């Protein structure tokens, strides 16, 4: 948004002007803040005003989105977008670990 990275090499090289970039980046920031809030709820750092089952469904949704985004970045037009496939893959793996760790923790709890 502060134009450190030209919009021509982001979003798969598909943005045509500043106004498109501002819309896409604003939506991206809102989604990232939402994900951050969900992760804070999952980690019990933020009051659980959303049931944990809903939090898990949302995290599975983000897992799928990051997985698809990884594929999209691999198929992107620019090399910088292709590089970001590593980052989105990393985020997918982290969300997978968070979701699986919770499942293992609950399984151990249930057996005691």
PDB file of N, CA and C in Angstrom:
ATOM      1  N   UNK A   1       0.819  -1.194   0.000  1.00  0.00           N
ATOM      2  CA  UNK A   1       0.000   0.000   0.000  1.00  0.00           C
ATOM      3  C   UNK A   1       0.865   1.261   0.000  1.00  0.00           C
ATOM      4  N   UNK A   2       2.081   1.134   0.508  1.00  0.00           N
ATOM      5  CA  UNK A   2       2.968   2.298   0.488  1.00  0.00           C
ATOM      6  C   UNK A   2       3.928   2.241  -0.709  1.00  0.00           C
ATOM      7  N   UNK A   3       3.634   1.337  -1.606  1.00  0.00           N
ATOM      8  CA  UNK A   3       4.298   1.215  -2.909  1.00  0.00           C
ATOM      9  C   UNK A   3       5.777   0.884  -2.835  1.00  0.00           C
ATOM     10  N   UNK A   4       6.153   0.095  -1.838  1.00  0.00           N
ATOM     11  CA  UNK A   4       7.527  -0.402  -1.794  1.00  0.00           C
ATOM     12  C   UNK A   4       7.700  -1.448  -2.892  1.00  0.00           C
ATOM     13  N   UNK A   5       6.701  -2.318  -3.030  1.00  0.00           N
ATOM     14  CA  UNK A   5       6.695  -3.323  -4.092  1.00  0.00           C
ATOM     15  C   UNK A   5       5.683  -2.863  -5.142  1.00  0.00           C
ATOM     16  N   UNK A   6       6.094  -2.713  -6.394  1.00  0.00           N
ATOM     17  CA  UNK A   6       5.157  -2.276  -7.441  1.00  0.00           C
ATOM     18  C   UNK A   6       3.996  -3.251  -7.597  1.00  0.00           C
ATOM     19  N   UNK A   7       2.789  -2.726  -7.742  1.00  0.00           N
ATOM     20  CA  UNK A   7       1.615  -3.597  -7.849  1.00  0.00           C
ATOM     21  C   UNK A   7       1.643  -4.459  -9.099  1.00  0.00           C
ATOM     22  N   UNK A   8       2.440  -4.089 -10.071  1.00  0.00           N
ATOM     23  CA  UNK A   8       2.513  -4.864 -11.310  1.00  0.00           C
ATOM     24  C   UNK A   8       3.095  -6.262 -11.088  1.00  0.00           C
ATOM     25  N   UNK A   9       3.879  -6.428 -10.011  1.00  0.00           N
ATOM     26  CA  UNK A   9       4.500  -7.735  -9.779  1.00  0.00           C
ATOM     27  C   UNK A   9       3.827  -8.496  -8.633  1.00  0.00           C
ATOM     28  N   UNK A  10       2.702  -8.004  -8.163  1.00  0.00           N
ATOM     29  CA  UNK A  10       1.955  -8.709  -7.114  1.00  0.00           C
ATOM     30  C   UNK A  10       0.615  -9.158  -7.668  1.00  0.00           C
ATOM     31  N   UNK A  11      -0.089  -9.957  -6.918  1.00  0.00           N
ATOM     32  CA  UNK A  11      -1.400 -10.480  -7.318  1.00  0.00           C
ATOM     33  C   UNK A  11      -1.327 -11.127  -8.699  1.00  0.00           C
ATOM     34  N   UNK A  12      -0.257 -11.847  -8.921  1.00  0.00           N
ATOM     35  CA  UNK A  12      -0.102 -12.586 -10.169  1.00  0.00           C
ATOM     36  C   UNK A  12       0.104 -11.692 -11.373  1.00  0.00           C
ATOM     37  N   UNK A  13       0.485 -10.416 -11.136  1.00  0.00           N
ATOM     38  CA  UNK A  13       0.700  -9.479 -12.236  1.00  0.00           C
ATOM     39  C   UNK A  13      -0.582  -9.027 -12.906  1.00  0.00           C
ATOM     40  N   UNK A  14      -1.721  -9.179 -12.222  1.00  0.00           N
ATOM     41  CA  UNK A  14      -3.017  -8.895 -12.843  1.00  0.00           C
ATOM     42  C   UNK A  14      -3.596  -7.521 -12.521  1.00  0.00           C
ATOM     43  N   UNK A  15      -3.018  -6.799 -11.535  1.00  0.00           N
ATOM     44  CA  UNK A  15      -3.567  -5.490 -11.178  1.00  0.00           C
ATOM     45  C   UNK A  15      -3.194  -4.458 -12.235  1.00  0.00           C
ATOM     46  N   UNK A  16      -4.147  -3.569 -12.526  1.00  0.00           N
ATOM     47  CA  UNK A  16      -3.949  -2.604 -13.616  1.00  0.00           C
ATOM     48  C   UNK A  16      -3.668  -1.186 -13.133  1.00  0.00           C
ATOM     49  N   UNK A  17      -4.103  -0.836 -11.890  1.00  0.00           N
ATOM     50  CA  UNK A  17      -3.918   0.537 -11.430  1.00  0.00           C
ATOM     51  C   UNK A  17      -3.885   0.602  -9.899  1.00  0.00           C
ATOM     52  N   UNK A  18      -3.627   1.794  -9.388  1.00  0.00           N
ATOM     53  CA  UNK A  18      -3.524   1.994  -7.936  1.00  0.00           C
ATOM     54  C   UNK A  18      -4.814   1.659  -7.207  1.00  0.00           C
ATOM     55  N   UNK A  19      -5.948   2.036  -7.778  1.00  0.00           N
ATOM     56  CA  UNK A  19      -7.214   1.799  -7.066  1.00  0.00           C
ATOM     57  C   UNK A  19      -7.485   0.300  -6.906  1.00  0.00           C
ATOM     58  N   UNK A  20      -7.189  -0.504  -7.915  1.00  0.00           N
ATOM     59  CA  UNK A  20      -7.327  -1.959  -7.778  1.00  0.00           C
ATOM     60  C   UNK A  20      -6.404  -2.480  -6.692  1.00  0.00           C
ATOM     61  N   UNK A  21      -5.176  -1.956  -6.646  1.00  0.00           N
ATOM     62  CA  UNK A  21      -4.208  -2.387  -5.640  1.00  0.00           C
ATOM     63  C   UNK A  21      -4.713  -2.056  -4.239  1.00  0.00           C
ATOM     64  N   UNK A  22      -5.260  -0.858  -4.040  1.00  0.00           N
ATOM     65  CA  UNK A  22      -5.758  -0.473  -2.712  1.00  0.00           C
ATOM     66  C   UNK A  22      -6.916  -1.363  -2.263  1.00  0.00           C
ATOM     67  N   UNK A  23      -7.815  -1.685  -3.179  1.00  0.00           N
ATOM     68  CA  UNK A  23      -8.939  -2.560  -2.835  1.00  0.00           C
ATOM     69  C   UNK A  23      -8.426  -3.945  -2.457  1.00  0.00           C
ATOM     70  N   UNK A  24      -7.579  -4.529  -3.287  1.00  0.00           N
ATOM     71  CA  UNK A  24      -7.069  -5.880  -3.026  1.00  0.00           C
ATOM     72  C   UNK A  24      -6.261  -5.930  -1.730  1.00  0.00           C
ATOM     73  N   UNK A  25      -5.413  -4.940  -1.511  1.00  0.00           N
ATOM     74  CA  UNK A  25      -4.571  -4.939  -0.311  1.00  0.00           C
ATOM     75  C   UNK A  25      -5.390  -4.669   0.954  1.00  0.00           C
ATOM     76  N   UNK A  26      -6.415  -3.834   0.870  1.00  0.00           N
ATOM     77  CA  UNK A  26      -7.277  -3.596   2.030  1.00  0.00           C
ATOM     78  C   UNK A  26      -8.005  -4.876   2.421  1.00  0.00           C
ATOM     79  N   UNK A  27      -8.548  -5.571   1.445  1.00  0.00           N
ATOM     80  CA  UNK A  27      -9.217  -6.854   1.715  1.00  0.00           C
ATOM     81  C   UNK A  27      -8.215  -7.847   2.304  1.00  0.00           C
ATOM     82  N   UNK A  28      -7.006  -7.879   1.764  1.00  0.00           N
ATOM     83  CA  UNK A  28      -5.969  -8.780   2.266  1.00  0.00           C
ATOM     84  C   UNK A  28      -5.635  -8.484   3.727  1.00  0.00           C
ATOM     85  N   UNK A  29      -5.513  -7.220   4.074  1.00  0.00           N
ATOM     86  CA  UNK A  29      -5.206  -6.846   5.460  1.00  0.00           C
ATOM     87  C   UNK A  29      -6.343  -7.256   6.389  1.00  0.00           C
ATOM     88  N   UNK A  30      -7.581  -7.047   5.978  1.00  0.00           N
ATOM     89  CA  UNK A  30      -8.738  -7.429   6.800  1.00  0.00           C
ATOM     90  C   UNK A  30      -8.755  -8.941   7.021  1.00  0.00           C
ATOM     91  N   UNK A  31      -8.510  -9.707   5.974  1.00  0.00           N
ATOM     92  CA  UNK A  31      -8.492 -11.173   6.094  1.00  0.00           C
ATOM     93  C   UNK A  31      -7.362 -11.618   7.019  1.00  0.00           C
ATOM     94  N   UNK A  32      -6.194 -10.992   6.899  1.00  0.00           N
ATOM     95  CA  UNK A  32      -5.078 -11.351   7.773  1.00  0.00           C
ATOM     96  C   UNK A  32      -5.353 -11.005   9.231  1.00  0.00           C
ATOM     97  N   UNK A  33      -6.003  -9.877   9.489  1.00  0.00           N
ATOM     98  CA  UNK A  33      -6.395  -9.530  10.856  1.00  0.00           C
ATOM     99  C   UNK A  33      -7.404 -10.538  11.403  1.00  0.00           C
ATOM    100  N   UNK A  34      -8.315 -10.980  10.554  1.00  0.00           N
ATOM    101  CA  UNK A  34      -9.286 -12.005  10.954  1.00  0.00           C
ATOM    102  C   UNK A  34      -8.571 -13.300  11.321  1.00  0.00           C
ATOM    103  N   UNK A  35      -7.631 -13.742  10.471  1.00  0.00           N
ATOM    104  CA  UNK A  35      -6.857 -14.955  10.756  1.00  0.00           C
ATOM    105  C   UNK A  35      -6.084 -14.800  12.064  1.00  0.00           C
ATOM    106  N   UNK A  36      -5.470 -13.657  12.272  1.00  0.00           N
ATOM    107  CA  UNK A  36      -4.723 -13.401  13.499  1.00  0.00           C
ATOM    108  C   UNK A  36      -5.651 -13.506  14.716  1.00  0.00           C
ATOM    109  N   UNK A  37      -6.841 -12.948  14.617  1.00  0.00           N
ATOM    110  CA  UNK A  37      -7.818 -13.027  15.708  1.00  0.00           C
ATOM    111  C   UNK A  37      -8.222 -14.472  15.979  1.00  0.00           C
ATOM    112  N   UNK A  38      -8.463 -15.231  14.931  1.00  0.00           N
ATOM    113  CA  UNK A  38      -8.836 -16.644  15.078  1.00  0.00           C
ATOM    114  C   UNK A  38      -7.710 -17.420  15.759  1.00  0.00           C
ATOM    115  N   UNK A  39      -6.466 -17.144  15.373  1.00  0.00           N
ATOM    116  CA  UNK A  39      -5.328 -17.825  15.995  1.00  0.00           C
ATOM    117  C   UNK A  39      -5.188 -17.437  17.471  1.00  0.00           C
ATOM    118  N   UNK A  40      -5.481 -16.177  17.800  1.00  0.00           N
ATOM    119  CA  UNK A  40      -5.451 -15.755  19.203  1.00  0.00           C
ATOM    120  C   UNK A  40      -6.534 -16.474  20.010  1.00  0.00           C
ATOM    121  N   UNK A  41      -7.698 -16.655  19.419  1.00  0.00           N
ATOM    122  CA  UNK A  41      -8.776 -17.394  20.094  1.00  0.00           C
ATOM    123  C   UNK A  41      -8.357 -18.854  20.267  1.00  0.00           C
ATOM    124  N   UNK A  42      -7.801 -19.450  19.225  1.00  0.00           N
ATOM    125  CA  UNK A  42      -7.362 -20.844  19.272  1.00  0.00           C
ATOM    126  C   UNK A  42      -6.313 -21.046  20.364  1.00  0.00           C
ATOM    127  N   UNK A  43      -5.400 -20.081  20.503  1.00  0.00           N
ATOM    128  CA  UNK A  43      -4.360 -20.168  21.516  1.00  0.00           C
ATOM    129  C   UNK A  43      -4.802 -19.706  22.892  1.00  0.00           C
ATOM    130  N   UNK A  44      -6.084 -19.349  22.999  1.00  0.00           N
ATOM    131  CA  UNK A  44      -6.668 -18.909  24.273  1.00  0.00           C
ATOM    132  C   UNK A  44      -6.043 -17.613  24.788  1.00  0.00           C
ATOM    133  N   UNK A  45      -5.589 -16.759  23.865  1.00  0.00           N
ATOM    134  CA  UNK A  45      -5.075 -15.441  24.218  1.00  0.00           C
ATOM    135  C   UNK A  45      -6.157 -14.378  24.098  1.00  0.00           C
ATOM    136  N   UNK A  46      -7.243 -14.722  23.453  1.00  0.00           N
ATOM    137  CA  UNK A  46      -8.366 -13.825  23.248  1.00  0.00           C
ATOM    138  C   UNK A  46      -9.615 -14.566  23.677  1.00  0.00           C
ATOM    139  N   UNK A  47     -10.506 -13.852  24.359  1.00  0.00           N
ATOM    140  CA  UNK A  47     -11.730 -14.482  24.858  1.00  0.00           C
ATOM    141  C   UNK A  47     -12.462 -15.251  23.777  1.00  0.00           C
ATOM    142  N   UNK A  48     -12.915 -16.428  24.135  1.00  0.00           N
ATOM    143  CA  UNK A  48     -13.557 -17.325  23.177  1.00  0.00           C
ATOM    144  C   UNK A  48     -15.002 -16.969  22.914  1.00  0.00           C
ATOM    145  N   UNK A  49     -15.231 -15.884  22.195  1.00  0.00           N
ATOM    146  CA  UNK A  49     -16.596 -15.519  21.840  1.00  0.00           C
ATOM    147  C   UNK A  49     -17.079 -16.272  20.610  1.00  0.00           C
ATOM    148  N   UNK A  50     -16.181 -17.077  20.039  1.00  0.00           N
ATOM    149  CA  UNK A  50     -16.537 -17.977  18.936  1.00  0.00           C
ATOM    150  C   UNK A  50     -16.266 -19.387  19.446  1.00  0.00           C
ATOM    151  N   UNK A  51     -17.227 -20.303  19.295  1.00  0.00           N
ATOM    152  CA  UNK A  51     -16.981 -21.688  19.747  1.00  0.00           C
ATOM    153  C   UNK A  51     -15.755 -22.285  19.053  1.00  0.00           C
ATOM    154  N   UNK A  52     -15.012 -23.112  19.778  1.00  0.00           N
ATOM    155  CA  UNK A  52     -13.762 -23.678  19.268  1.00  0.00           C
ATOM    156  C   UNK A  52     -13.991 -24.531  18.022  1.00  0.00           C
ATOM    157  N   UNK A  53     -15.156 -25.167  17.916  1.00  0.00           N
ATOM    158  CA  UNK A  53     -15.443 -25.951  16.700  1.00  0.00           C
ATOM    159  C   UNK A  53     -15.532 -25.038  15.483  1.00  0.00           C
ATOM    160  N   UNK A  54     -16.117 -23.855  15.658  1.00  0.00           N
ATOM    161  CA  UNK A  54     -16.195 -22.878  14.561  1.00  0.00           C
ATOM    162  C   UNK A  54     -14.792 -22.383  14.223  1.00  0.00           C
ATOM    163  N   UNK A  55     -13.976 -22.122  15.248  1.00  0.00           N
ATOM    164  CA  UNK A  55     -12.585 -21.701  15.037  1.00  0.00           C
ATOM    165  C   UNK A  55     -11.841 -22.754  14.219  1.00  0.00           C
ATOM    166  N   UNK A  56     -12.029 -24.029  14.564  1.00  0.00           N
ATOM    167  CA  UNK A  56     -11.361 -25.106  13.817  1.00  0.00           C
ATOM    168  C   UNK A  56     -11.818 -25.160  12.367  1.00  0.00           C
ATOM    169  N   UNK A  57     -13.110 -24.986  12.126  1.00  0.00           N
ATOM    170  CA  UNK A  57     -13.618 -24.978  10.744  1.00  0.00           C
ATOM    171  C   UNK A  57     -13.007 -23.817   9.966  1.00  0.00           C
ATOM    172  N   UNK A  58     -12.927 -22.662  10.598  1.00  0.00           N
ATOM    173  CA  UNK A  58     -12.325 -21.494   9.936  1.00  0.00           C
ATOM    174  C   UNK A  58     -10.856 -21.770   9.619  1.00  0.00           C
ATOM    175  N   UNK A  59     -10.141 -22.376  10.565  1.00  0.00           N
ATOM    176  CA  UNK A  59      -8.732 -22.693  10.315  1.00  0.00           C
ATOM    177  C   UNK A  59      -8.567 -23.717   9.199  1.00  0.00           C
ATOM    178  N   UNK A  60      -9.448 -24.721   9.127  1.00  0.00           N
ATOM    179  CA  UNK A  60      -9.408 -25.664   8.007  1.00  0.00           C
ATOM    180  C   UNK A  60      -9.648 -24.921   6.692  1.00  0.00           C
ATOM    181  N   UNK A  61     -10.545 -23.944   6.714  1.00  0.00           N
ATOM    182  CA  UNK A  61     -10.789 -23.131   5.519  1.00  0.00           C
ATOM    183  C   UNK A  61      -9.542 -22.377   5.099  1.00  0.00           C
ATOM    184  N   UNK A  62      -8.844 -21.779   6.072  1.00  0.00           N
ATOM    185  CA  UNK A  62      -7.597 -21.075   5.763  1.00  0.00           C
ATOM    186  C   UNK A  62      -6.535 -22.049   5.258  1.00  0.00           C
ATOM    187  N   UNK A  63      -6.508 -23.251   5.810  1.00  0.00           N
ATOM    188  CA  UNK A  63      -5.566 -24.264   5.340  1.00  0.00           C
ATOM    189  C   UNK A  63      -5.782 -24.539   3.853  1.00  0.00           C
ATOM    190  N   UNK A  64      -7.033 -24.708   3.472  1.00  0.00           N
ATOM    191  CA  UNK A  64      -7.368 -24.967   2.064  1.00  0.00           C
ATOM    192  C   UNK A  64      -6.997 -23.761   1.197  1.00  0.00           C
ATOM    193  N   UNK A  65      -7.336 -22.557   1.668  1.00  0.00           N
ATOM    194  CA  UNK A  65      -7.041 -21.342   0.898  1.00  0.00           C
ATOM    195  C   UNK A  65      -5.533 -21.179   0.707  1.00  0.00           C
ATOM    196  N   UNK A  66      -4.752 -21.383   1.776  1.00  0.00           N
ATOM    197  CA  UNK A  66      -3.296 -21.274   1.639  1.00  0.00           C
ATOM    198  C   UNK A  66      -2.749 -22.355   0.709  1.00  0.00           C
ATOM    199  N   UNK A  67      -3.317 -23.538   0.752  1.00  0.00           N
ATOM    200  CA  UNK A  67      -2.896 -24.593  -0.168  1.00  0.00           C
ATOM    201  C   UNK A  67      -3.165 -24.219  -1.619  1.00  0.00           C
ATOM    202  N   UNK A  68      -4.373 -23.710  -1.872  1.00  0.00           N
ATOM    203  CA  UNK A  68      -4.716 -23.272  -3.234  1.00  0.00           C
ATOM    204  C   UNK A  68      -3.867 -22.083  -3.664  1.00  0.00           C
ATOM    205  N   UNK A  69      -3.597 -21.184  -2.709  1.00  0.00           N
ATOM    206  CA  UNK A  69      -2.767 -20.027  -3.017  1.00  0.00           C
ATOM    207  C   UNK A  69      -1.346 -20.451  -3.367  1.00  0.00           C
ATOM    208  N   UNK A  70      -0.862 -21.493  -2.724  1.00  0.00           N
ATOM    209  CA  UNK A  70       0.464 -22.022  -3.051  1.00  0.00           C
ATOM    210  C   UNK A  70       0.502 -22.477  -4.502  1.00  0.00           C
ATOM    211  N   UNK A  71      -0.528 -23.192  -4.917  1.00  0.00           N
ATOM    212  CA  UNK A  71      -0.610 -23.639  -6.320  1.00  0.00           C
ATOM    213  C   UNK A  71      -0.692 -22.434  -7.251  1.00  0.00           C
ATOM    214  N   UNK A  72      -1.524 -21.447  -6.880  1.00  0.00           N
ATOM    215  CA  UNK A  72      -1.646 -20.233  -7.696  1.00  0.00           C
ATOM    216  C   UNK A  72      -0.331 -19.493  -7.817  1.00  0.00           C
ATOM    217  N   UNK A  73       0.420 -19.414  -6.720  1.00  0.00           N
ATOM    218  CA  UNK A  73       1.712 -18.728  -6.778  1.00  0.00           C
ATOM    219  C   UNK A  73       2.705 -19.473  -7.656  1.00  0.00           C
ATOM    220  N   UNK A  74       2.669 -20.782  -7.614  1.00  0.00           N
ATOM    221  CA  UNK A  74       3.562 -21.565  -8.477  1.00  0.00           C
ATOM    222  C   UNK A  74       3.257 -21.284  -9.951  1.00  0.00           C
ATOM    223  N   UNK A  75       1.976 -21.094 -10.266  1.00  0.00           N
ATOM    224  CA  UNK A  75       1.560 -20.851 -11.653  1.00  0.00           C
ATOM    225  C   UNK A  75       1.547 -19.377 -12.042  1.00  0.00           C
ATOM    226  N   UNK A  76       1.990 -18.484 -11.146  1.00  0.00           N
ATOM    227  CA  UNK A  76       1.945 -17.040 -11.400  1.00  0.00           C
ATOM    228  C   UNK A  76       2.868 -16.628 -12.540  1.00  0.00           C
ATOM    229  N   UNK A  77       2.644 -15.406 -13.026  1.00  0.00           N
ATOM    230  CA  UNK A  77       3.425 -14.881 -14.144  1.00  0.00           C
ATOM    231  C   UNK A  77       4.808 -14.391 -13.724  1.00  0.00           C
ATOM    232  N   UNK A  78       4.939 -13.891 -12.491  1.00  0.00           N
ATOM    233  CA  UNK A  78       6.206 -13.289 -12.075  1.00  0.00           C
ATOM    234  C   UNK A  78       6.967 -14.216 -11.134  1.00  0.00           C
ATOM    235  N   UNK A  79       8.285 -14.075 -11.153  1.00  0.00           N
ATOM    236  CA  UNK A  79       9.126 -14.900 -10.292  1.00  0.00           C
ATOM    237  C   UNK A  79       8.939 -14.567  -8.812  1.00  0.00           C
ATOM    238  N   UNK A  80       8.682 -13.300  -8.490  1.00  0.00           N
ATOM    239  CA  UNK A  80       8.483 -12.942  -7.086  1.00  0.00           C
ATOM    240  C   UNK A  80       7.230 -13.620  -6.538  1.00  0.00           C
ATOM    241  N   UNK A  81       6.182 -13.704  -7.357  1.00  0.00           N
ATOM    242  CA  UNK A  81       4.969 -14.410  -6.924  1.00  0.00           C
ATOM    243  C   UNK A  81       5.253 -15.910  -6.779  1.00  0.00           C
ATOM    244  N   UNK A  82       6.054 -16.445  -7.669  1.00  0.00           N
ATOM    245  CA  UNK A  82       6.420 -17.859  -7.566  1.00  0.00           C
ATOM    246  C   UNK A  82       7.201 -18.113  -6.280  1.00  0.00           C
ATOM    247  N   UNK A  83       8.060 -17.160  -5.898  1.00  0.00           N
ATOM    248  CA  UNK A  83       8.808 -17.289  -4.658  1.00  0.00           C
ATOM    249  C   UNK A  83       7.864 -17.355  -3.457  1.00  0.00           C
ATOM    250  N   UNK A  84       6.768 -16.595  -3.496  1.00  0.00           N
ATOM    251  CA  UNK A  84       5.826 -16.572  -2.382  1.00  0.00           C
ATOM    252  C   UNK A  84       5.098 -17.906  -2.189  1.00  0.00           C
ATOM    253  N   UNK A  85       5.236 -18.802  -3.144  1.00  0.00           N
ATOM    254  CA  UNK A  85       4.683 -20.148  -2.960  1.00  0.00           C
ATOM    255  C   UNK A  85       5.315 -20.815  -1.739  1.00  0.00           C
ATOM    256  N   UNK A  86       6.583 -20.532  -1.495  1.00  0.00           N
ATOM    257  CA  UNK A  86       7.254 -21.083  -0.309  1.00  0.00           C
ATOM    258  C   UNK A  86       6.615 -20.554   0.973  1.00  0.00           C
ATOM    259  N   UNK A  87       6.300 -19.274   0.978  1.00  0.00           N
ATOM    260  CA  UNK A  87       5.691 -18.658   2.157  1.00  0.00           C
ATOM    261  C   UNK A  87       4.292 -19.213   2.413  1.00  0.00           C
ATOM    262  N   UNK A  88       3.477 -19.306   1.371  1.00  0.00           N
ATOM    263  CA  UNK A  88       2.122 -19.829   1.568  1.00  0.00           C
ATOM    264  C   UNK A  88       2.140 -21.310   1.924  1.00  0.00           C
ATOM    265  N   UNK A  89       3.086 -22.050   1.385  1.00  0.00           N
ATOM    266  CA  UNK A  89       3.238 -23.455   1.774  1.00  0.00           C
ATOM    267  C   UNK A  89       3.607 -23.548   3.254  1.00  0.00           C
ATOM    268  N   UNK A  90       4.519 -22.698   3.699  1.00  0.00           N
ATOM    269  CA  UNK A  90       4.920 -22.653   5.101  1.00  0.00           C
ATOM    270  C   UNK A  90       3.715 -22.351   6.002  1.00  0.00           C
ATOM    271  N   UNK A  91       2.894 -21.375   5.612  1.00  0.00           N
ATOM    272  CA  UNK A  91       1.698 -21.045   6.403  1.00  0.00           C
ATOM    273  C   UNK A  91       0.721 -22.208   6.434  1.00  0.00           C
ATOM    274  N   UNK A  92       0.569 -22.900   5.318  1.00  0.00           N
ATOM    275  CA  UNK A  92      -0.296 -24.086   5.283  1.00  0.00           C
ATOM    276  C   UNK A  92       0.187 -25.136   6.274  1.00  0.00           C
ATOM    277  N   UNK A  93       1.480 -25.354   6.285  1.00  0.00           N
ATOM    278  CA  UNK A  93       2.050 -26.348   7.198  1.00  0.00           C
ATOM    279  C   UNK A  93       1.841 -25.931   8.648  1.00  0.00           C
ATOM    280  N   UNK A  94       2.026 -24.647   8.954  1.00  0.00           N
ATOM    281  CA  UNK A  94       1.817 -24.174  10.324  1.00  0.00           C
ATOM    282  C   UNK A  94       0.368 -24.368  10.772  1.00  0.00           C
ATOM    283  N   UNK A  95      -0.575 -24.044   9.909  1.00  0.00           N
ATOM    284  CA  UNK A  95      -1.987 -24.237  10.265  1.00  0.00           C
ATOM    285  C   UNK A  95      -2.274 -25.721  10.442  1.00  0.00           C
ATOM    286  N   UNK A  96      -1.729 -26.563   9.593  1.00  0.00           N
ATOM    287  CA  UNK A  96      -1.895 -28.019   9.720  1.00  0.00           C
ATOM    288  C   UNK A  96      -1.372 -28.483  11.086  1.00  0.00           C
ATOM    289  N   UNK A  97      -0.190 -27.998  11.472  1.00  0.00           N
ATOM    290  CA  UNK A  97       0.393 -28.377  12.764  1.00  0.00           C
ATOM    291  C   UNK A  97      -0.512 -27.924  13.910  1.00  0.00           C
ATOM    292  N   UNK A  98      -1.014 -26.715  13.837  1.00  0.00           N
ATOM    293  CA  UNK A  98      -1.908 -26.196  14.886  1.00  0.00           C
ATOM    294  C   UNK A  98      -3.156 -27.061  14.999  1.00  0.00           C
ATOM    295  N   UNK A  99      -3.754 -27.410  13.885  1.00  0.00           N
ATOM    296  CA  UNK A  99      -4.973 -28.224  13.905  1.00  0.00           C
ATOM    297  C   UNK A  99      -4.682 -29.651  14.370  1.00  0.00           C
ATOM    298  N   UNK A 100      -3.598 -30.249  13.937  1.00  0.00           N
ATOM    299  CA  UNK A 100      -3.256 -31.623  14.322  1.00  0.00           C
ATOM    300  C   UNK A 100      -2.812 -31.695  15.785  1.00  0.00           C
ATOM    301  N   UNK A 101      -2.078 -30.691  16.243  1.00  0.00           N
ATOM    302  CA  UNK A 101      -1.626 -30.667  17.634  1.00  0.00           C
ATOM    303  C   UNK A 101      -2.826 -30.653  18.574  1.00  0.00           C
ATOM    304  N   UNK A 102      -3.823 -29.877  18.246  1.00  0.00           N
ATOM    305  CA  UNK A 102      -5.036 -29.804  19.058  1.00  0.00           C
ATOM    306  C   UNK A 102      -5.734 -31.156  19.086  1.00  0.00           C
ATOM    307  N   UNK A 103      -5.783 -31.840  17.942  1.00  0.00           N
ATOM    308  CA  UNK A 103      -6.430 -33.149  17.877  1.00  0.00           C
ATOM    309  C   UNK A 103      -5.680 -34.164  18.733  1.00  0.00           C
ATOM    310  N   UNK A 104      -4.339 -34.164  18.641  1.00  0.00           N
ATOM    311  CA  UNK A 104      -3.531 -35.082  19.444  1.00  0.00           C
ATOM    312  C   UNK A 104      -3.693 -34.767  20.928  1.00  0.00           C
ATOM    313  N   UNK A 105      -3.732 -33.478  21.267  1.00  0.00           N
ATOM    314  CA  UNK A 105      -3.884 -33.068  22.662  1.00  0.00           C
ATOM    315  C   UNK A 105      -5.217 -33.551  23.216  1.00  0.00           C
ATOM    316  N   UNK A 106      -6.274 -33.427  22.435  1.00  0.00           N
ATOM    317  CA  UNK A 106      -7.599 -33.889  22.872  1.00  0.00           C
ATOM    318  C   UNK A 106      -7.651 -35.408  23.005  1.00  0.00           C
ATOM    319  N   UNK A 107      -6.951 -36.128  22.122  1.00  0.00           N
ATOM    320  CA  UNK A 107      -6.936 -37.591  22.188  1.00  0.00           C
ATOM    321  C   UNK A 107      -6.243 -38.052  23.474  1.00  0.00           C
ATOM    322  N   UNK A 108      -5.131 -37.414  23.805  1.00  0.00           N
ATOM    323  CA  UNK A 108      -4.404 -37.757  25.026  1.00  0.00           C
ATOM    324  C   UNK A 108      -5.275 -37.436  26.244  1.00  0.00           C
ATOM    325  N   UNK A 109      -5.966 -36.303  26.220  1.00  0.00           N
ATOM    326  CA  UNK A 109      -6.851 -35.908  27.307  1.00  0.00           C
ATOM    327  C   UNK A 109      -7.959 -36.928  27.516  1.00  0.00           C
ATOM    328  N   UNK A 110      -8.529 -37.416  26.424  1.00  0.00           N
ATOM    329  CA  UNK A 110      -9.657 -38.329  26.496  1.00  0.00           C
ATOM    330  C   UNK A 110      -9.257 -39.676  27.111  1.00  0.00           C
ATOM    331  N   UNK A 111      -8.003 -40.082  26.930  1.00  0.00           N
ATOM    332  CA  UNK A 111      -7.589 -41.391  27.422  1.00  0.00           C
ATOM    333  C   UNK A 111      -7.216 -41.369  28.901  1.00  0.00           C
ATOM    334  N   UNK A 112      -7.016 -40.197  29.472  1.00  0.00           N
ATOM    335  CA  UNK A 112      -6.641 -40.097  30.900  1.00  0.00           C
ATOM    336  C   UNK A 112      -7.830 -40.068  31.793  1.00  0.00           C
TER     337      UNK A 112
END
